[in-house]
């Protein structure tokens, strides 16, 4: 998929794409240990998230809604092409 194809996707589809890319990055990162600076940054982000749990819950809700919508759009497009 090239850039011109990506920008033609809906916002919801691009969010799903970014999420899939991020998941692939985190899977690769699991193979390589974090350095001290990265560990410190992760700990700071965890602390920040714990201070505002509603924000994280909102993000998960939004991400899941967008994922479901994009999957529905893909299924509709597939059915339309049949």
PDB file of N, CA and C in Angstrom:
ATOM      1  N   UNK A   1       0.854  -1.172   0.000  1.00  0.00           N
ATOM      2  CA  UNK A   1       0.000   0.000   0.000  1.00  0.00           C
ATOM      3  C   UNK A   1       0.898   1.232   0.000  1.00  0.00           C
ATOM      4  N   UNK A   2       0.664   2.124  -0.956  1.00  0.00           N
ATOM      5  CA  UNK A   2       1.478   3.331  -1.017  1.00  0.00           C
ATOM      6  C   UNK A   2       0.739   4.513  -0.374  1.00  0.00           C
ATOM      7  N   UNK A   3       1.421   5.635  -0.268  1.00  0.00           N
ATOM      8  CA  UNK A   3       0.871   6.795   0.438  1.00  0.00           C
ATOM      9  C   UNK A   3      -0.436   7.273  -0.177  1.00  0.00           C
ATOM     10  N   UNK A   4      -0.521   7.329  -1.496  1.00  0.00           N
ATOM     11  CA  UNK A   4      -1.749   7.824  -2.132  1.00  0.00           C
ATOM     12  C   UNK A   4      -2.936   6.906  -1.824  1.00  0.00           C
ATOM     13  N   UNK A   5      -2.698   5.616  -1.662  1.00  0.00           N
ATOM     14  CA  UNK A   5      -3.770   4.696  -1.274  1.00  0.00           C
ATOM     15  C   UNK A   5      -4.166   4.906   0.186  1.00  0.00           C
ATOM     16  N   UNK A   6      -3.176   5.173   1.022  1.00  0.00           N
ATOM     17  CA  UNK A   6      -3.443   5.379   2.448  1.00  0.00           C
ATOM     18  C   UNK A   6      -4.301   6.614   2.672  1.00  0.00           C
ATOM     19  N   UNK A   7      -3.979   7.718   2.017  1.00  0.00           N
ATOM     20  CA  UNK A   7      -4.737   8.959   2.247  1.00  0.00           C
ATOM     21  C   UNK A   7      -6.159   8.862   1.706  1.00  0.00           C
ATOM     22  N   UNK A   8      -6.439   7.897   0.863  1.00  0.00           N
ATOM     23  CA  UNK A   8      -7.801   7.706   0.364  1.00  0.00           C
ATOM     24  C   UNK A   8      -8.665   6.914   1.340  1.00  0.00           C
ATOM     25  N   UNK A   9      -8.048   6.287   2.329  1.00  0.00           N
ATOM     26  CA  UNK A   9      -8.799   5.562   3.350  1.00  0.00           C
ATOM     27  C   UNK A   9      -9.549   6.546   4.234  1.00  0.00           C
ATOM     28  N   UNK A  10     -10.633   6.071   4.855  1.00  0.00           N
ATOM     29  CA  UNK A  10     -11.351   6.916   5.814  1.00  0.00           C
ATOM     30  C   UNK A  10     -10.471   7.113   7.049  1.00  0.00           C
ATOM     31  N   UNK A  11     -10.818   8.077   7.853  1.00  0.00           N
ATOM     32  CA  UNK A  11     -10.065   8.320   9.091  1.00  0.00           C
ATOM     33  C   UNK A  11     -10.080   7.068   9.956  1.00  0.00           C
ATOM     34  N   UNK A  12     -11.227   6.449  10.066  1.00  0.00           N
ATOM     35  CA  UNK A  12     -11.331   5.241  10.888  1.00  0.00           C
ATOM     36  C   UNK A  12     -10.429   4.131  10.352  1.00  0.00           C
ATOM     37  N   UNK A  13     -10.379   3.967   9.052  1.00  0.00           N
ATOM     38  CA  UNK A  13      -9.516   2.935   8.478  1.00  0.00           C
ATOM     39  C   UNK A  13      -8.045   3.262   8.706  1.00  0.00           C
ATOM     40  N   UNK A  14      -7.693   4.548   8.634  1.00  0.00           N
ATOM     41  CA  UNK A  14      -6.294   4.928   8.886  1.00  0.00           C
ATOM     42  C   UNK A  14      -5.927   4.706  10.337  1.00  0.00           C
ATOM     43  N   UNK A  15      -6.866   4.935  11.255  1.00  0.00           N
ATOM     44  CA  UNK A  15      -6.590   4.667  12.675  1.00  0.00           C
ATOM     45  C   UNK A  15      -6.320   3.184  12.875  1.00  0.00           C
ATOM     46  N   UNK A  16      -7.114   2.337  12.239  1.00  0.00           N
ATOM     47  CA  UNK A  16      -6.898   0.886  12.343  1.00  0.00           C
ATOM     48  C   UNK A  16      -5.541   0.517  11.760  1.00  0.00           C
ATOM     49  N   UNK A  17      -5.180   1.141  10.636  1.00  0.00           N
ATOM     50  CA  UNK A  17      -3.882   0.882  10.015  1.00  0.00           C
ATOM     51  C   UNK A  17      -2.737   1.278  10.945  1.00  0.00           C
ATOM     52  N   UNK A  18      -2.851   2.466  11.530  1.00  0.00           N
ATOM     53  CA  UNK A  18      -1.810   2.926  12.460  1.00  0.00           C
ATOM     54  C   UNK A  18      -1.708   1.974  13.643  1.00  0.00           C
ATOM     55  N   UNK A  19      -2.853   1.528  14.141  1.00  0.00           N
ATOM     56  CA  UNK A  19      -2.855   0.594  15.264  1.00  0.00           C
ATOM     57  C   UNK A  19      -2.157  -0.713  14.879  1.00  0.00           C
ATOM     58  N   UNK A  20      -2.423  -1.202  13.671  1.00  0.00           N
ATOM     59  CA  UNK A  20      -1.773  -2.433  13.207  1.00  0.00           C
ATOM     60  C   UNK A  20      -0.270  -2.238  13.062  1.00  0.00           C
ATOM     61  N   UNK A  21       0.123  -1.080  12.547  1.00  0.00           N
ATOM     62  CA  UNK A  21       1.557  -0.781  12.423  1.00  0.00           C
ATOM     63  C   UNK A  21       2.191  -0.733  13.804  1.00  0.00           C
ATOM     64  N   UNK A  22       1.516  -0.054  14.734  1.00  0.00           N
ATOM     65  CA  UNK A  22       2.046   0.050  16.096  1.00  0.00           C
ATOM     66  C   UNK A  22       2.188  -1.334  16.721  1.00  0.00           C
ATOM     67  N   UNK A  23       1.192  -2.182  16.531  1.00  0.00           N
ATOM     68  CA  UNK A  23       1.272  -3.542  17.079  1.00  0.00           C
ATOM     69  C   UNK A  23       2.470  -4.293  16.503  1.00  0.00           C
ATOM     70  N   UNK A  24       2.745  -4.110  15.207  1.00  0.00           N
ATOM     71  CA  UNK A  24       3.890  -4.792  14.612  1.00  0.00           C
ATOM     72  C   UNK A  24       5.201  -4.255  15.171  1.00  0.00           C
ATOM     73  N   UNK A  25       5.232  -2.961  15.462  1.00  0.00           N
ATOM     74  CA  UNK A  25       6.437  -2.361  16.054  1.00  0.00           C
ATOM     75  C   UNK A  25       6.648  -2.905  17.453  1.00  0.00           C
ATOM     76  N   UNK A  26       5.576  -2.964  18.242  1.00  0.00           N
ATOM     77  CA  UNK A  26       5.736  -3.470  19.609  1.00  0.00           C
ATOM     78  C   UNK A  26       6.130  -4.938  19.607  1.00  0.00           C
ATOM     79  N   UNK A  27       5.632  -5.697  18.629  1.00  0.00           N
ATOM     80  CA  UNK A  27       6.031  -7.114  18.537  1.00  0.00           C
ATOM     81  C   UNK A  27       7.532  -7.217  18.259  1.00  0.00           C
ATOM     82  N   UNK A  28       8.029  -6.361  17.376  1.00  0.00           N
ATOM     83  CA  UNK A  28       9.467  -6.355  17.089  1.00  0.00           C
ATOM     84  C   UNK A  28      10.266  -5.892  18.296  1.00  0.00           C
ATOM     85  N   UNK A  29       9.728  -4.904  19.005  1.00  0.00           N
ATOM     86  CA  UNK A  29      10.445  -4.369  20.171  1.00  0.00           C
ATOM     87  C   UNK A  29      10.574  -5.419  21.275  1.00  0.00           C
ATOM     88  N   UNK A  30       9.611  -6.342  21.341  1.00  0.00           N
ATOM     89  CA  UNK A  30       9.685  -7.379  22.367  1.00  0.00           C
ATOM     90  C   UNK A  30      10.916  -8.251  22.181  1.00  0.00           C
ATOM     91  N   UNK A  31      11.432  -8.283  20.966  1.00  0.00           N
ATOM     92  CA  UNK A  31      12.614  -9.096  20.670  1.00  0.00           C
ATOM     93  C   UNK A  31      13.902  -8.412  21.136  1.00  0.00           C
ATOM     94  N   UNK A  32      13.834  -7.082  21.349  1.00  0.00           N
ATOM     95  CA  UNK A  32      15.009  -6.307  21.731  1.00  0.00           C
ATOM     96  C   UNK A  32      14.756  -5.681  23.104  1.00  0.00           C
ATOM     97  N   UNK A  33      15.632  -5.905  24.065  1.00  0.00           N
ATOM     98  CA  UNK A  33      15.427  -5.317  25.391  1.00  0.00           C
ATOM     99  C   UNK A  33      15.463  -3.786  25.342  1.00  0.00           C
ATOM    100  N   UNK A  34      14.686  -3.166  26.220  1.00  0.00           N
ATOM    101  CA  UNK A  34      14.682  -1.704  26.322  1.00  0.00           C
ATOM    102  C   UNK A  34      15.956  -1.225  26.999  1.00  0.00           C
ATOM    103  N   UNK A  35      16.416  -0.035  26.598  1.00  0.00           N
ATOM    104  CA  UNK A  35      17.552   0.554  27.310  1.00  0.00           C
ATOM    105  C   UNK A  35      17.020   1.337  28.514  1.00  0.00           C
ATOM    106  N   UNK A  36      17.898   1.842  29.334  1.00  0.00           N
ATOM    107  CA  UNK A  36      17.507   2.514  30.573  1.00  0.00           C
ATOM    108  C   UNK A  36      16.615   3.732  30.329  1.00  0.00           C
ATOM    109  N   UNK A  37      16.945   4.513  29.310  1.00  0.00           N
ATOM    110  CA  UNK A  37      16.153   5.710  28.983  1.00  0.00           C
ATOM    111  C   UNK A  37      14.727   5.328  28.573  1.00  0.00           C
ATOM    112  N   UNK A  38      14.600   4.264  27.794  1.00  0.00           N
ATOM    113  CA  UNK A  38      13.274   3.813  27.368  1.00  0.00           C
ATOM    114  C   UNK A  38      12.463   3.270  28.546  1.00  0.00           C
ATOM    115  N   UNK A  39      13.125   2.590  29.463  1.00  0.00           N
ATOM    116  CA  UNK A  39      12.450   2.077  30.657  1.00  0.00           C
ATOM    117  C   UNK A  39      11.936   3.241  31.493  1.00  0.00           C
ATOM    118  N   UNK A  40      12.764   4.274  31.684  1.00  0.00           N
ATOM    119  CA  UNK A  40      12.344   5.457  32.447  1.00  0.00           C
ATOM    120  C   UNK A  40      11.135   6.124  31.801  1.00  0.00           C
ATOM    121  N   UNK A  41      11.163   6.268  30.474  1.00  0.00           N
ATOM    122  CA  UNK A  41      10.051   6.889  29.756  1.00  0.00           C
ATOM    123  C   UNK A  41       8.774   6.068  29.920  1.00  0.00           C
ATOM    124  N   UNK A  42       8.893   4.762  29.812  1.00  0.00           N
ATOM    125  CA  UNK A  42       7.726   3.887  29.966  1.00  0.00           C
ATOM    126  C   UNK A  42       7.147   4.001  31.368  1.00  0.00           C
ATOM    127  N   UNK A  43       8.022   4.054  32.371  1.00  0.00           N
ATOM    128  CA  UNK A  43       7.549   4.181  33.750  1.00  0.00           C
ATOM    129  C   UNK A  43       6.831   5.512  33.961  1.00  0.00           C
ATOM    130  N   UNK A  44       7.351   6.589  33.378  1.00  0.00           N
ATOM    131  CA  UNK A  44       6.694   7.892  33.491  1.00  0.00           C
ATOM    132  C   UNK A  44       5.318   7.870  32.826  1.00  0.00           C
ATOM    133  N   UNK A  45       5.208   7.221  31.700  1.00  0.00           N
ATOM    134  CA  UNK A  45       3.918   7.138  31.005  1.00  0.00           C
ATOM    135  C   UNK A  45       2.917   6.295  31.785  1.00  0.00           C
ATOM    136  N   UNK A  46       3.388   5.223  32.399  1.00  0.00           N
ATOM    137  CA  UNK A  46       2.508   4.391  33.224  1.00  0.00           C
ATOM    138  C   UNK A  46       1.976   5.204  34.395  1.00  0.00           C
ATOM    139  N   UNK A  47       2.850   5.939  35.059  1.00  0.00           N
ATOM    140  CA  UNK A  47       2.438   6.781  36.188  1.00  0.00           C
ATOM    141  C   UNK A  47       1.416   7.820  35.733  1.00  0.00           C
ATOM    142  N   UNK A  48       1.668   8.465  34.597  1.00  0.00           N
ATOM    143  CA  UNK A  48       0.735   9.463  34.066  1.00  0.00           C
ATOM    144  C   UNK A  48      -0.623   8.831  33.751  1.00  0.00           C
ATOM    145  N   UNK A  49      -0.617   7.634  33.176  1.00  0.00           N
ATOM    146  CA  UNK A  49      -1.863   6.948  32.839  1.00  0.00           C
ATOM    147  C   UNK A  49      -2.629   6.553  34.099  1.00  0.00           C
ATOM    148  N   UNK A  50      -1.904   6.173  35.145  1.00  0.00           N
ATOM    149  CA  UNK A  50      -2.554   5.790  36.393  1.00  0.00           C
ATOM    150  C   UNK A  50      -3.204   6.989  37.071  1.00  0.00           C
ATOM    151  N   UNK A  51      -2.655   8.179  36.833  1.00  0.00           N
ATOM    152  CA  UNK A  51      -3.233   9.397  37.409  1.00  0.00           C
ATOM    153  C   UNK A  51      -4.528   9.788  36.711  1.00  0.00           C
ATOM    154  N   UNK A  52      -4.695   9.360  35.434  1.00  0.00           N
ATOM    155  CA  UNK A  52      -5.886   9.695  34.659  1.00  0.00           C
ATOM    156  C   UNK A  52      -6.443   8.430  34.006  1.00  0.00           C
ATOM    157  N   UNK A  53      -6.968   7.508  34.803  1.00  0.00           N
ATOM    158  CA  UNK A  53      -7.456   6.250  34.221  1.00  0.00           C
ATOM    159  C   UNK A  53      -8.635   6.462  33.263  1.00  0.00           C
ATOM    160  N   UNK A  54      -9.434   7.505  33.467  1.00  0.00           N
ATOM    161  CA  UNK A  54     -10.566   7.759  32.570  1.00  0.00           C
ATOM    162  C   UNK A  54     -10.077   8.050  31.157  1.00  0.00           C
ATOM    163  N   UNK A  55      -8.936   8.729  31.041  1.00  0.00           N
ATOM    164  CA  UNK A  55      -8.382   9.028  29.726  1.00  0.00           C
ATOM    165  C   UNK A  55      -8.041   7.741  28.995  1.00  0.00           C
ATOM    166  N   UNK A  56      -7.403   6.815  29.684  1.00  0.00           N
ATOM    167  CA  UNK A  56      -7.025   5.554  29.052  1.00  0.00           C
ATOM    168  C   UNK A  56      -8.262   4.743  28.680  1.00  0.00           C
ATOM    169  N   UNK A  57      -9.280   4.751  29.536  1.00  0.00           N
ATOM    170  CA  UNK A  57     -10.516   4.030  29.233  1.00  0.00           C
ATOM    171  C   UNK A  57     -11.169   4.628  27.996  1.00  0.00           C
ATOM    172  N   UNK A  58     -11.153   5.963  27.882  1.00  0.00           N
ATOM    173  CA  UNK A  58     -11.722   6.642  26.712  1.00  0.00           C
ATOM    174  C   UNK A  58     -10.966   6.235  25.463  1.00  0.00           C
ATOM    175  N   UNK A  59      -9.651   6.183  25.525  1.00  0.00           N
ATOM    176  CA  UNK A  59      -8.848   5.813  24.364  1.00  0.00           C
ATOM    177  C   UNK A  59      -9.173   4.391  23.919  1.00  0.00           C
ATOM    178  N   UNK A  60      -9.259   3.454  24.855  1.00  0.00           N
ATOM    179  CA  UNK A  60      -9.573   2.074  24.505  1.00  0.00           C
ATOM    180  C   UNK A  60     -10.956   1.982  23.862  1.00  0.00           C
ATOM    181  N   UNK A  61     -11.919   2.707  24.409  1.00  0.00           N
ATOM    182  CA  UNK A  61     -13.278   2.700  23.854  1.00  0.00           C
ATOM    183  C   UNK A  61     -13.265   3.246  22.422  1.00  0.00           C
ATOM    184  N   UNK A  62     -12.569   4.349  22.204  1.00  0.00           N
ATOM    185  CA  UNK A  62     -12.499   4.965  20.886  1.00  0.00           C
ATOM    186  C   UNK A  62     -11.794   4.032  19.895  1.00  0.00           C
ATOM    187  N   UNK A  63     -10.689   3.453  20.321  1.00  0.00           N
ATOM    188  CA  UNK A  63      -9.916   2.563  19.454  1.00  0.00           C
ATOM    189  C   UNK A  63     -10.760   1.359  19.042  1.00  0.00           C
ATOM    190  N   UNK A  64     -11.473   0.765  19.992  1.00  0.00           N
ATOM    191  CA  UNK A  64     -12.305  -0.399  19.682  1.00  0.00           C
ATOM    192  C   UNK A  64     -13.463  -0.034  18.761  1.00  0.00           C
ATOM    193  N   UNK A  65     -14.075   1.127  18.970  1.00  0.00           N
ATOM    194  CA  UNK A  65     -15.173   1.567  18.110  1.00  0.00           C
ATOM    195  C   UNK A  65     -14.673   1.793  16.692  1.00  0.00           C
ATOM    196  N   UNK A  66     -13.520   2.418  16.548  1.00  0.00           N
ATOM    197  CA  UNK A  66     -12.959   2.662  15.222  1.00  0.00           C
ATOM    198  C   UNK A  66     -12.580   1.366  14.533  1.00  0.00           C
ATOM    199  N   UNK A  67     -12.056   0.430  15.286  1.00  0.00           N
ATOM    200  CA  UNK A  67     -11.669  -0.857  14.714  1.00  0.00           C
ATOM    201  C   UNK A  67     -12.900  -1.596  14.190  1.00  0.00           C
ATOM    202  N   UNK A  68     -13.978  -1.610  14.985  1.00  0.00           N
ATOM    203  CA  UNK A  68     -15.208  -2.282  14.555  1.00  0.00           C
ATOM    204  C   UNK A  68     -15.784  -1.607  13.324  1.00  0.00           C
ATOM    205  N   UNK A  69     -15.763  -0.286  13.305  1.00  0.00           N
ATOM    206  CA  UNK A  69     -16.309   0.452  12.169  1.00  0.00           C
ATOM    207  C   UNK A  69     -15.521   0.180  10.903  1.00  0.00           C
ATOM    208  N   UNK A  70     -14.217   0.156  11.010  1.00  0.00           N
ATOM    209  CA  UNK A  70     -13.366  -0.091   9.840  1.00  0.00           C
ATOM    210  C   UNK A  70     -13.564  -1.504   9.322  1.00  0.00           C
ATOM    211  N   UNK A  71     -13.711  -2.466  10.223  1.00  0.00           N
ATOM    212  CA  UNK A  71     -13.949  -3.843   9.799  1.00  0.00           C
ATOM    213  C   UNK A  71     -15.285  -3.914   9.078  1.00  0.00           C
ATOM    214  N   UNK A  72     -16.299  -3.238   9.601  1.00  0.00           N
ATOM    215  CA  UNK A  72     -17.603  -3.202   8.947  1.00  0.00           C
ATOM    216  C   UNK A  72     -17.516  -2.566   7.576  1.00  0.00           C
ATOM    217  N   UNK A  73     -16.714  -1.508   7.438  1.00  0.00           N
ATOM    218  CA  UNK A  73     -16.537  -0.849   6.144  1.00  0.00           C
ATOM    219  C   UNK A  73     -15.879  -1.780   5.148  1.00  0.00           C
ATOM    220  N   UNK A  74     -14.874  -2.535   5.601  1.00  0.00           N
ATOM    221  CA  UNK A  74     -14.191  -3.472   4.719  1.00  0.00           C
ATOM    222  C   UNK A  74     -15.132  -4.579   4.267  1.00  0.00           C
ATOM    223  N   UNK A  75     -15.968  -5.066   5.212  1.00  0.00           N
ATOM    224  CA  UNK A  75     -16.911  -6.124   4.860  1.00  0.00           C
ATOM    225  C   UNK A  75     -17.943  -5.613   3.864  1.00  0.00           C
ATOM    226  N   UNK A  76     -18.419  -4.376   4.051  1.00  0.00           N
ATOM    227  CA  UNK A  76     -19.385  -3.788   3.138  1.00  0.00           C
ATOM    228  C   UNK A  76     -18.773  -3.653   1.757  1.00  0.00           C
ATOM    229  N   UNK A  77     -17.533  -3.150   1.705  1.00  0.00           N
ATOM    230  CA  UNK A  77     -16.838  -2.969   0.422  1.00  0.00           C
ATOM    231  C   UNK A  77     -16.680  -4.317  -0.290  1.00  0.00           C
ATOM    232  N   UNK A  78     -16.341  -5.356   0.473  1.00  0.00           N
ATOM    233  CA  UNK A  78     -16.185  -6.692  -0.095  1.00  0.00           C
ATOM    234  C   UNK A  78     -17.516  -7.194  -0.647  1.00  0.00           C
ATOM    235  N   UNK A  79     -18.597  -6.985   0.122  1.00  0.00           N
ATOM    236  CA  UNK A  79     -19.924  -7.420  -0.329  1.00  0.00           C
ATOM    237  C   UNK A  79     -20.376  -6.644  -1.540  1.00  0.00           C
ATOM    238  N   UNK A  80     -20.040  -5.359  -1.616  1.00  0.00           N
ATOM    239  CA  UNK A  80     -20.411  -4.523  -2.758  1.00  0.00           C
ATOM    240  C   UNK A  80     -19.709  -4.978  -4.026  1.00  0.00           C
ATOM    241  N   UNK A  81     -18.496  -5.505  -3.863  1.00  0.00           N
ATOM    242  CA  UNK A  81     -17.716  -5.939  -5.023  1.00  0.00           C
ATOM    243  C   UNK A  81     -18.107  -7.333  -5.502  1.00  0.00           C
ATOM    244  N   UNK A  82     -18.891  -8.047  -4.695  1.00  0.00           N
ATOM    245  CA  UNK A  82     -19.279  -9.430  -5.048  1.00  0.00           C
ATOM    246  C   UNK A  82     -20.331  -9.449  -6.129  1.00  0.00           C
TER     247      UNK A  82
END
